[in-house]
PDB file of N, CA and C in Angstrom:
ATOM      1  N   MET A   1      25.210  -3.151  27.111  1.00  0.00           N
ATOM      2  CA  MET A   1      24.774  -1.784  26.822  1.00  0.00           C
ATOM      3  C   MET A   1      24.897  -1.554  25.297  1.00  0.00           C
ATOM      4  N   LYS A   2      23.914  -0.927  24.704  1.00  0.00           N
ATOM      5  CA  LYS A   2      23.875  -0.691  23.284  1.00  0.00           C
ATOM      6  C   LYS A   2      24.829   0.384  22.898  1.00  0.00           C
ATOM      7  N   SER A   3      25.402   0.259  21.711  1.00  0.00           N
ATOM      8  CA  SER A   3      26.289   1.286  21.209  1.00  0.00           C
ATOM      9  C   SER A   3      25.499   2.464  20.699  1.00  0.00           C
ATOM     10  N   ILE A   4      26.130   3.601  20.548  1.00  0.00           N
ATOM     11  CA  ILE A   4      25.449   4.784  20.042  1.00  0.00           C
ATOM     12  C   ILE A   4      25.011   4.540  18.606  1.00  0.00           C
ATOM     13  N   LYS A   5      25.782   3.836  17.842  1.00  0.00           N
ATOM     14  CA  LYS A   5      25.473   3.545  16.446  1.00  0.00           C
ATOM     15  C   LYS A   5      24.189   2.712  16.374  1.00  0.00           C
ATOM     16  N   THR A   6      24.057   1.726  17.232  1.00  0.00           N
ATOM     17  CA  THR A   6      22.836   0.893  17.277  1.00  0.00           C
ATOM     18  C   THR A   6      21.615   1.721  17.689  1.00  0.00           C
ATOM     19  N   ILE A   7      21.784   2.575  18.663  1.00  0.00           N
ATOM     20  CA  ILE A   7      20.693   3.407  19.096  1.00  0.00           C
ATOM     21  C   ILE A   7      20.235   4.395  18.009  1.00  0.00           C
ATOM     22  N   LEU A   8      21.206   4.994  17.333  1.00  0.00           N
ATOM     23  CA  LEU A   8      20.850   5.924  16.232  1.00  0.00           C
ATOM     24  C   LEU A   8      20.200   5.144  15.078  1.00  0.00           C
ATOM     25  N   SER A   9      20.623   3.940  14.807  1.00  0.00           N
ATOM     26  CA  SER A   9      19.982   3.144  13.751  1.00  0.00           C
ATOM     27  C   SER A   9      18.523   2.839  14.111  1.00  0.00           C
ATOM     28  N   GLU A  10      18.269   2.510  15.395  1.00  0.00           N
ATOM     29  CA  GLU A  10      16.938   2.262  15.830  1.00  0.00           C
ATOM     30  C   GLU A  10      16.036   3.487  15.720  1.00  0.00           C
ATOM     31  N   ILE A  11      16.612   4.649  16.144  1.00  0.00           N
ATOM     32  CA  ILE A  11      15.835   5.891  16.022  1.00  0.00           C
ATOM     33  C   ILE A  11      15.513   6.227  14.572  1.00  0.00           C
ATOM     34  N   LEU A  12      16.449   6.058  13.682  1.00  0.00           N
ATOM     35  CA  LEU A  12      16.264   6.319  12.257  1.00  0.00           C
ATOM     36  C   LEU A  12      15.202   5.414  11.719  1.00  0.00           C
ATOM     37  N   GLU A  13      15.217   4.135  12.091  1.00  0.00           N
ATOM     38  CA  GLU A  13      14.238   3.177  11.629  1.00  0.00           C
ATOM     39  C   GLU A  13      12.831   3.564  12.121  1.00  0.00           C
ATOM     40  N   ASN A  14      12.714   4.013  13.388  1.00  0.00           N
ATOM     41  CA  ASN A  14      11.438   4.457  13.893  1.00  0.00           C
ATOM     42  C   ASN A  14      10.924   5.687  13.157  1.00  0.00           C
ATOM     43  N   LEU A  15      11.780   6.604  12.856  1.00  0.00           N
ATOM     44  CA  LEU A  15      11.358   7.786  12.077  1.00  0.00           C
ATOM     45  C   LEU A  15      10.869   7.383  10.694  1.00  0.00           C
ATOM     46  N   LYS A  16      11.510   6.454  10.033  1.00  0.00           N
ATOM     47  CA  LYS A  16      11.097   5.970   8.751  1.00  0.00           C
ATOM     48  C   LYS A  16       9.724   5.317   8.828  1.00  0.00           C
ATOM     49  N   GLN A  17       9.481   4.543   9.898  1.00  0.00           N
ATOM     50  CA  GLN A  17       8.233   3.868  10.039  1.00  0.00           C
ATOM     51  C   GLN A  17       7.056   4.800  10.290  1.00  0.00           C
ATOM     52  N   ASN A  18       7.344   5.952  10.895  1.00  0.00           N
ATOM     53  CA  ASN A  18       6.306   6.934  11.231  1.00  0.00           C
ATOM     54  C   ASN A  18       6.131   7.968  10.123  1.00  0.00           C
ATOM     55  N   LYS A  19       6.917   7.924   9.099  1.00  0.00           N
ATOM     56  CA  LYS A  19       6.860   8.926   8.033  1.00  0.00           C
ATOM     57  C   LYS A  19       5.540   8.821   7.287  1.00  0.00           C
ATOM     58  N   GLN A  20       4.952   9.923   6.982  1.00  0.00           N
ATOM     59  CA  GLN A  20       3.605   9.957   6.332  1.00  0.00           C
ATOM     60  C   GLN A  20       3.710  10.326   4.868  1.00  0.00           C
ATOM     61  N   ILE A  21       4.764  11.046   4.426  1.00  0.00           N
ATOM     62  CA  ILE A  21       4.951  11.418   3.053  1.00  0.00           C
ATOM     63  C   ILE A  21       6.234  10.755   2.525  1.00  0.00           C
ATOM     64  N   PHE A  22       6.160  10.153   1.376  1.00  0.00           N
ATOM     65  CA  PHE A  22       7.289   9.445   0.792  1.00  0.00           C
ATOM     66  C   PHE A  22       7.723  10.095  -0.550  1.00  0.00           C
ATOM     67  N   THR A  23       8.996  10.122  -0.769  1.00  0.00           N
ATOM     68  CA  THR A  23       9.508  10.462  -2.098  1.00  0.00           C
ATOM     69  C   THR A  23       9.207   9.309  -3.034  1.00  0.00           C
ATOM     70  N   PHE A  24       9.451   9.466  -4.331  1.00  0.00           N
ATOM     71  CA  PHE A  24       9.204   8.366  -5.249  1.00  0.00           C
ATOM     72  C   PHE A  24       9.950   7.118  -4.878  1.00  0.00           C
ATOM     73  N   GLN A  25      11.238   7.242  -4.622  1.00  0.00           N
ATOM     74  CA  GLN A  25      12.055   6.100  -4.317  1.00  0.00           C
ATOM     75  C   GLN A  25      11.635   5.450  -2.993  1.00  0.00           C
ATOM     76  N   GLU A  26      11.299   6.252  -2.021  1.00  0.00           N
ATOM     77  CA  GLU A  26      10.824   5.691  -0.745  1.00  0.00           C
ATOM     78  C   GLU A  26       9.493   4.972  -0.905  1.00  0.00           C
ATOM     79  N   GLY A  27       8.618   5.497  -1.774  1.00  0.00           N
ATOM     80  CA  GLY A  27       7.369   4.848  -2.033  1.00  0.00           C
ATOM     81  C   GLY A  27       7.542   3.490  -2.700  1.00  0.00           C
ATOM     82  N   CYS A  28       8.525   3.433  -3.614  1.00  0.00           N
ATOM     83  CA  CYS A  28       8.819   2.152  -4.274  1.00  0.00           C
ATOM     84  C   CYS A  28       9.326   1.150  -3.231  1.00  0.00           C
ATOM     85  N   ASN A  29      10.215   1.584  -2.373  1.00  0.00           N
ATOM     86  CA  ASN A  29      10.767   0.702  -1.305  1.00  0.00           C
ATOM     87  C   ASN A  29       9.657   0.268  -0.348  1.00  0.00           C
ATOM     88  N   TYR A  30       8.798   1.192   0.006  1.00  0.00           N
ATOM     89  CA  TYR A  30       7.705   0.888   0.954  1.00  0.00           C
ATOM     90  C   TYR A  30       6.784  -0.165   0.361  1.00  0.00           C
ATOM     91  N   CYS A  31       6.504  -0.056  -0.956  1.00  0.00           N
ATOM     92  CA  CYS A  31       5.614  -1.033  -1.609  1.00  0.00           C
ATOM     93  C   CYS A  31       6.321  -2.284  -2.027  1.00  0.00           C
ATOM     94  N   GLY A  32       7.642  -2.233  -2.074  1.00  0.00           N
ATOM     95  CA  GLY A  32       8.436  -3.388  -2.504  1.00  0.00           C
ATOM     96  C   GLY A  32       8.358  -3.625  -4.004  1.00  0.00           C
ATOM     97  N   ILE A  33       8.196  -2.583  -4.779  1.00  0.00           N
ATOM     98  CA  ILE A  33       8.146  -2.730  -6.228  1.00  0.00           C
ATOM     99  C   ILE A  33       9.247  -1.879  -6.878  1.00  0.00           C
ATOM    100  N   SER A  34       9.590  -2.180  -8.112  1.00  0.00           N
ATOM    101  CA  SER A  34      10.653  -1.457  -8.825  1.00  0.00           C
ATOM    102  C   SER A  34      10.170  -0.089  -9.242  1.00  0.00           C
ATOM    103  N   GLU A  35      11.104   0.781  -9.552  1.00  0.00           N
ATOM    104  CA  GLU A  35      10.759   2.115  -9.948  1.00  0.00           C
ATOM    105  C   GLU A  35       9.990   2.084 -11.295  1.00  0.00           C
ATOM    106  N   SER A  36      10.405   1.202 -12.194  1.00  0.00           N
ATOM    107  CA  SER A  36       9.727   1.122 -13.498  1.00  0.00           C
ATOM    108  C   SER A  36       8.298   0.689 -13.332  1.00  0.00           C
ATOM    109  N   THR A  37       8.028  -0.224 -12.426  1.00  0.00           N
ATOM    110  CA  THR A  37       6.652  -0.690 -12.171  1.00  0.00           C
ATOM    111  C   THR A  37       5.826   0.460 -11.542  1.00  0.00           C
ATOM    112  N   MET A  38       6.449   1.196 -10.621  1.00  0.00           N
ATOM    113  CA  MET A  38       5.738   2.328 -10.006  1.00  0.00           C
ATOM    114  C   MET A  38       5.443   3.402 -11.043  1.00  0.00           C
ATOM    115  N   TYR A  39       6.381   3.648 -11.980  1.00  0.00           N
ATOM    116  CA  TYR A  39       6.130   4.629 -13.019  1.00  0.00           C
ATOM    117  C   TYR A  39       4.942   4.196 -13.848  1.00  0.00           C
ATOM    118  N   LYS A  40       4.850   2.922 -14.137  1.00  0.00           N
ATOM    119  CA  LYS A  40       3.717   2.425 -14.903  1.00  0.00           C
ATOM    120  C   LYS A  40       2.370   2.661 -14.150  1.00  0.00           C
ATOM    121  N   HIS A  41       2.399   2.405 -12.844  1.00  0.00           N
ATOM    122  CA  HIS A  41       1.186   2.652 -12.020  1.00  0.00           C
ATOM    123  C   HIS A  41       0.819   4.117 -11.953  1.00  0.00           C
ATOM    124  N   THR A  42       1.803   5.000 -11.838  1.00  0.00           N
ATOM    125  CA  THR A  42       1.475   6.425 -11.795  1.00  0.00           C
ATOM    126  C   THR A  42       1.025   6.936 -13.160  1.00  0.00           C
ATOM    127  N   ALA A  43       1.644   6.444 -14.238  1.00  0.00           N
ATOM    128  CA  ALA A  43       1.250   6.866 -15.578  1.00  0.00           C
ATOM    129  C   ALA A  43      -0.195   6.431 -15.920  1.00  0.00           C
ATOM    130  N   ALA A  44      -0.588   5.277 -15.369  1.00  0.00           N
ATOM    131  CA  ALA A  44      -1.930   4.774 -15.640  1.00  0.00           C
ATOM    132  C   ALA A  44      -2.953   5.229 -14.575  1.00  0.00           C
ATOM    133  N   ASN A  45      -2.458   6.085 -13.643  1.00  0.00           N
ATOM    134  CA  ASN A  45      -3.277   6.615 -12.563  1.00  0.00           C
ATOM    135  C   ASN A  45      -3.928   5.528 -11.705  1.00  0.00           C
ATOM    136  N   ARG A  46      -3.142   4.470 -11.446  1.00  0.00           N
ATOM    137  CA  ARG A  46      -3.610   3.381 -10.572  1.00  0.00           C
ATOM    138  C   ARG A  46      -3.265   3.592  -9.122  1.00  0.00           C
ATOM    139  N   VAL A  47      -2.354   4.526  -8.857  1.00  0.00           N
ATOM    140  CA  VAL A  47      -1.987   4.900  -7.523  1.00  0.00           C
ATOM    141  C   VAL A  47      -1.987   6.434  -7.397  1.00  0.00           C
ATOM    142  N   PRO A  48      -2.619   6.942  -6.345  1.00  0.00           N
ATOM    143  CA  PRO A  48      -2.616   8.390  -6.171  1.00  0.00           C
ATOM    144  C   PRO A  48      -1.217   8.942  -5.853  1.00  0.00           C
ATOM    145  N   PHE A  49      -0.883  10.072  -6.453  1.00  0.00           N
ATOM    146  CA  PHE A  49       0.407  10.694  -6.175  1.00  0.00           C
ATOM    147  C   PHE A  49       0.302  12.175  -6.282  1.00  0.00           C
ATOM    148  N   TYR A  50       1.311  12.870  -5.849  1.00  0.00           N
ATOM    149  CA  TYR A  50       1.315  14.338  -5.809  1.00  0.00           C
ATOM    150  C   TYR A  50       2.552  14.876  -6.510  1.00  0.00           C
ATOM    151  N   ARG A  51       2.412  15.972  -7.200  1.00  0.00           N
ATOM    152  CA  ARG A  51       3.492  16.661  -7.894  1.00  0.00           C
ATOM    153  C   ARG A  51       3.397  18.141  -7.555  1.00  0.00           C
ATOM    154  N   PRO A  52       3.932  18.563  -6.407  1.00  0.00           N
ATOM    155  CA  PRO A  52       3.737  19.908  -5.970  1.00  0.00           C
ATOM    156  C   PRO A  52       4.411  20.956  -6.899  1.00  0.00           C
ATOM    157  N   GLU A  53       5.469  20.639  -7.530  1.00  0.00           N
ATOM    158  CA  GLU A  53       6.144  21.550  -8.444  1.00  0.00           C
ATOM    159  C   GLU A  53       6.094  21.041  -9.893  1.00  0.00           C
ATOM    160  N   GLY A  54       5.322  20.010 -10.124  1.00  0.00           N
ATOM    161  CA  GLY A  54       5.160  19.484 -11.460  1.00  0.00           C
ATOM    162  C   GLY A  54       6.246  18.556 -11.931  1.00  0.00           C
ATOM    163  N   LYS A  55       7.186  18.231 -11.041  1.00  0.00           N
ATOM    164  CA  LYS A  55       8.307  17.364 -11.482  1.00  0.00           C
ATOM    165  C   LYS A  55       8.455  16.183 -10.562  1.00  0.00           C
ATOM    166  N   LEU A  56       8.747  16.402  -9.327  1.00  0.00           N
ATOM    167  CA  LEU A  56       8.978  15.319  -8.357  1.00  0.00           C
ATOM    168  C   LEU A  56       7.662  14.701  -7.953  1.00  0.00           C
ATOM    169  N   ILE A  57       7.704  13.394  -7.720  1.00  0.00           N
ATOM    170  CA  ILE A  57       6.496  12.632  -7.338  1.00  0.00           C
ATOM    171  C   ILE A  57       6.624  12.285  -5.854  1.00  0.00           C
ATOM    172  N   PHE A  58       5.495  12.503  -5.130  1.00  0.00           N
ATOM    173  CA  PHE A  58       5.411  12.174  -3.705  1.00  0.00           C
ATOM    174  C   PHE A  58       4.154  11.319  -3.479  1.00  0.00           C
ATOM    175  N   PHE A  59       4.182  10.514  -2.445  1.00  0.00           N
ATOM    176  CA  PHE A  59       3.057   9.665  -2.077  1.00  0.00           C
ATOM    177  C   PHE A  59       2.705   9.868  -0.625  1.00  0.00           C
ATOM    178  N   LYS A  60       1.407   9.722  -0.298  1.00  0.00           N
ATOM    179  CA  LYS A  60       0.964   9.687   1.104  1.00  0.00           C
ATOM    180  C   LYS A  60       0.978   8.217   1.521  1.00  0.00           C
ATOM    181  N   ARG A  61       1.376   7.950   2.709  1.00  0.00           N
ATOM    182  CA  ARG A  61       1.427   6.592   3.205  1.00  0.00           C
ATOM    183  C   ARG A  61       0.064   5.886   3.108  1.00  0.00           C
ATOM    184  N   GLU A  62      -0.988   6.585   3.500  1.00  0.00           N
ATOM    185  CA  GLU A  62      -2.320   5.991   3.488  1.00  0.00           C
ATOM    186  C   GLU A  62      -2.765   5.640   2.057  1.00  0.00           C
ATOM    187  N   ASP A  63      -2.348   6.425   1.092  1.00  0.00           N
ATOM    188  CA  ASP A  63      -2.680   6.106  -0.339  1.00  0.00           C
ATOM    189  C   ASP A  63      -1.927   4.824  -0.778  1.00  0.00           C
ATOM    190  N   LEU A  64      -0.664   4.710  -0.352  1.00  0.00           N
ATOM    191  CA  LEU A  64       0.098   3.523  -0.734  1.00  0.00           C
ATOM    192  C   LEU A  64      -0.456   2.272  -0.020  1.00  0.00           C
ATOM    193  N   ASP A  65      -0.882   2.448   1.236  1.00  0.00           N
ATOM    194  CA  ASP A  65      -1.508   1.318   1.960  1.00  0.00           C
ATOM    195  C   ASP A  65      -2.761   0.875   1.216  1.00  0.00           C
ATOM    196  N   ALA A  66      -3.618   1.779   0.841  1.00  0.00           N
ATOM    197  CA  ALA A  66      -4.838   1.420   0.118  1.00  0.00           C
ATOM    198  C   ALA A  66      -4.539   0.782  -1.203  1.00  0.00           C
ATOM    199  N   PHE A  67      -3.491   1.321  -1.903  1.00  0.00           N
ATOM    200  CA  PHE A  67      -3.093   0.722  -3.181  1.00  0.00           C
ATOM    201  C   PHE A  67      -2.665  -0.698  -3.008  1.00  0.00           C
ATOM    202  N   MET A  68      -1.875  -0.971  -1.997  1.00  0.00           N
ATOM    203  CA  MET A  68      -1.354  -2.342  -1.773  1.00  0.00           C
ATOM    204  C   MET A  68      -2.449  -3.296  -1.298  1.00  0.00           C
ATOM    205  N   LEU A  69      -3.488  -2.761  -0.638  1.00  0.00           N
ATOM    206  CA  LEU A  69      -4.527  -3.632  -0.094  1.00  0.00           C
ATOM    207  C   LEU A  69      -5.786  -3.734  -0.955  1.00  0.00           C
ATOM    208  N   ARG A  70      -5.688  -3.266  -2.208  1.00  0.00           N
ATOM    209  CA  ARG A  70      -6.850  -3.325  -3.104  1.00  0.00           C
ATOM    210  C   ARG A  70      -6.998  -4.763  -3.611  1.00  0.00           C
ATOM    211  N   ASN A  71      -8.136  -5.067  -4.160  1.00  0.00           N
ATOM    212  CA  ASN A  71      -8.427  -6.370  -4.756  1.00  0.00           C
ATOM    213  C   ASN A  71      -8.285  -7.530  -3.770  1.00  0.00           C
ATOM    214  N   ARG A  72      -8.896  -7.386  -2.605  1.00  0.00           N
ATOM    215  CA  ARG A  72      -8.818  -8.409  -1.585  1.00  0.00           C
ATOM    216  C   ARG A  72      -9.469  -9.674  -2.103  1.00  0.00           C
ATOM    217  N   GLN A  73      -8.838 -10.785  -1.842  1.00  0.00           N
ATOM    218  CA  GLN A  73      -9.359 -12.107  -2.203  1.00  0.00           C
ATOM    219  C   GLN A  73     -10.047 -12.752  -1.000  1.00  0.00           C
ATOM    220  N   SER A  74     -11.273 -13.202  -1.212  1.00  0.00           N
ATOM    221  CA  SER A  74     -12.013 -13.856  -0.137  1.00  0.00           C
ATOM    222  C   SER A  74     -11.477 -15.249   0.165  1.00  0.00           C
ATOM    223  N   THR A  75     -11.598 -15.634   1.439  1.00  0.00           N
ATOM    224  CA  THR A  75     -11.227 -16.984   1.834  1.00  0.00           C
ATOM    225  C   THR A  75     -12.295 -17.993   1.345  1.00  0.00           C
ATOM    226  N   GLN A  76     -11.926 -19.242   1.325  1.00  0.00           N
ATOM    227  CA  GLN A  76     -12.879 -20.262   0.941  1.00  0.00           C
ATOM    228  C   GLN A  76     -14.104 -20.244   1.866  1.00  0.00           C
ATOM    229  N   GLU A  77     -13.897 -20.024   3.127  1.00  0.00           N
ATOM    230  CA  GLU A  77     -14.998 -19.983   4.081  1.00  0.00           C
ATOM    231  C   GLU A  77     -15.925 -18.794   3.761  1.00  0.00           C
ATOM    232  N   GLU A  78     -15.390 -17.633   3.427  1.00  0.00           N
ATOM    233  CA  GLU A  78     -16.206 -16.488   3.076  1.00  0.00           C
ATOM    234  C   GLU A  78     -17.036 -16.736   1.800  1.00  0.00           C
ATOM    235  N   LEU A  79     -16.410 -17.405   0.841  1.00  0.00           N
ATOM    236  CA  LEU A  79     -17.083 -17.711  -0.425  1.00  0.00           C
ATOM    237  C   LEU A  79     -18.235 -18.701  -0.146  1.00  0.00           C
ATOM    238  N   GLU A  80     -17.996 -19.694   0.682  1.00  0.00           N
ATOM    239  CA  GLU A  80     -19.023 -20.647   0.962  1.00  0.00           C
ATOM    240  C   GLU A  80     -20.199 -20.006   1.728  1.00  0.00           C
ATOM    241  N   GLU A  81     -19.887 -19.064   2.644  1.00  0.00           N
ATOM    242  CA  GLU A  81     -20.933 -18.346   3.330  1.00  0.00           C
ATOM    243  C   GLU A  81     -21.751 -17.521   2.389  1.00  0.00           C
ATOM    244  N   LYS A  82     -21.118 -16.816   1.450  1.00  0.00           N
ATOM    245  CA  LYS A  82     -21.838 -16.022   0.498  1.00  0.00           C
ATOM    246  C   LYS A  82     -22.747 -16.920  -0.372  1.00  0.00           C
ATOM    247  N   ALA A  83     -22.243 -18.101  -0.738  1.00  0.00           N
ATOM    248  CA  ALA A  83     -23.013 -18.998  -1.576  1.00  0.00           C
ATOM    249  C   ALA A  83     -24.247 -19.512  -0.823  1.00  0.00           C
ATOM    250  N   ALA A  84     -24.079 -19.826   0.470  1.00  0.00           N
ATOM    251  CA  ALA A  84     -25.166 -20.249   1.282  1.00  0.00           C
ATOM    252  C   ALA A  84     -26.237 -19.195   1.416  1.00  0.00           C
ATOM    253  N   VAL A  85     -25.834 -17.963   1.681  1.00  0.00           N
ATOM    254  CA  VAL A  85     -26.764 -16.845   1.801  1.00  0.00           C
ATOM    255  C   VAL A  85     -27.515 -16.621   0.488  1.00  0.00           C
ATOM    256  N   TYR A  86     -26.750 -16.677  -0.625  1.00  0.00           N
ATOM    257  CA  TYR A  86     -27.362 -16.547  -1.928  1.00  0.00           C
ATOM    258  C   TYR A  86     -28.418 -17.593  -2.160  1.00  0.00           C
ATOM    259  N   SER A  87     -28.072 -18.835  -1.866  1.00  0.00           N
ATOM    260  CA  SER A  87     -28.990 -19.952  -2.090  1.00  0.00           C
ATOM    261  C   SER A  87     -30.246 -19.784  -1.267  1.00  0.00           C
ATOM    262  N   LEU A  88     -30.120 -19.296  -0.012  1.00  0.00           N
ATOM    263  CA  LEU A  88     -31.323 -19.163   0.838  1.00  0.00           C
ATOM    264  C   LEU A  88     -32.197 -17.999   0.393  1.00  0.00           C
ATOM    265  N   ASN A  89     -31.593 -16.958  -0.198  1.00  0.00           N
ATOM    266  CA  ASN A  89     -32.354 -15.799  -0.602  1.00  0.00           C
ATOM    267  C   ASN A  89     -32.878 -15.881  -2.024  1.00  0.00           C
ATOM    268  N   ARG A  90     -32.419 -16.845  -2.765  1.00  0.00           N
ATOM    269  CA  ARG A  90     -32.818 -16.985  -4.186  1.00  0.00           C
ATOM    270  C   ARG A  90     -34.284 -17.360  -4.259  1.00  0.00           C
ATOM    271  N   LYS A  91     -34.983 -16.654  -5.152  1.00  0.00           N
ATOM    272  CA  LYS A  91     -36.393 -16.963  -5.338  1.00  0.00           C
ATOM    273  C   LYS A  91     -36.536 -18.185  -6.240  1.00  0.00           C
ATOM    274  N   LYS A  92     -37.472 -19.030  -5.821  1.00  0.00           N
ATOM    275  CA  LYS A  92     -37.746 -20.257  -6.616  1.00  0.00           C
ATOM    276  C   LYS A  92     -38.965 -20.034  -7.448  1.00  0.00           C
ATOM    277  N   PHE A  93     -38.905 -20.512  -8.669  1.00  0.00           N
ATOM    278  CA  PHE A  93     -40.038 -20.360  -9.600  1.00  0.00           C
ATOM    279  C   PHE A  93     -40.736 -21.644  -9.728  1.00  0.00           C
TER     280      PHE A  93
END
């Protein structure tokens, strides 16, 4: 039988996983980057953020997900397929 402490820890973890709005520190932890790196991203407007009172920074989960999944790299198979399609569609002079 699970202890109450274990059950509460599991409930807390589930709540964190379902959270949609993050504080600055929670956003850093969610992305796995340091606060200084996140400050650089917010200062350069590379990640969307919110400042409801003009001081504290908040993030939406979906914005952080999009930020982390940007600049997708194609697989070798995808690149070869694109090259084949390009070669077939290329006009010959």
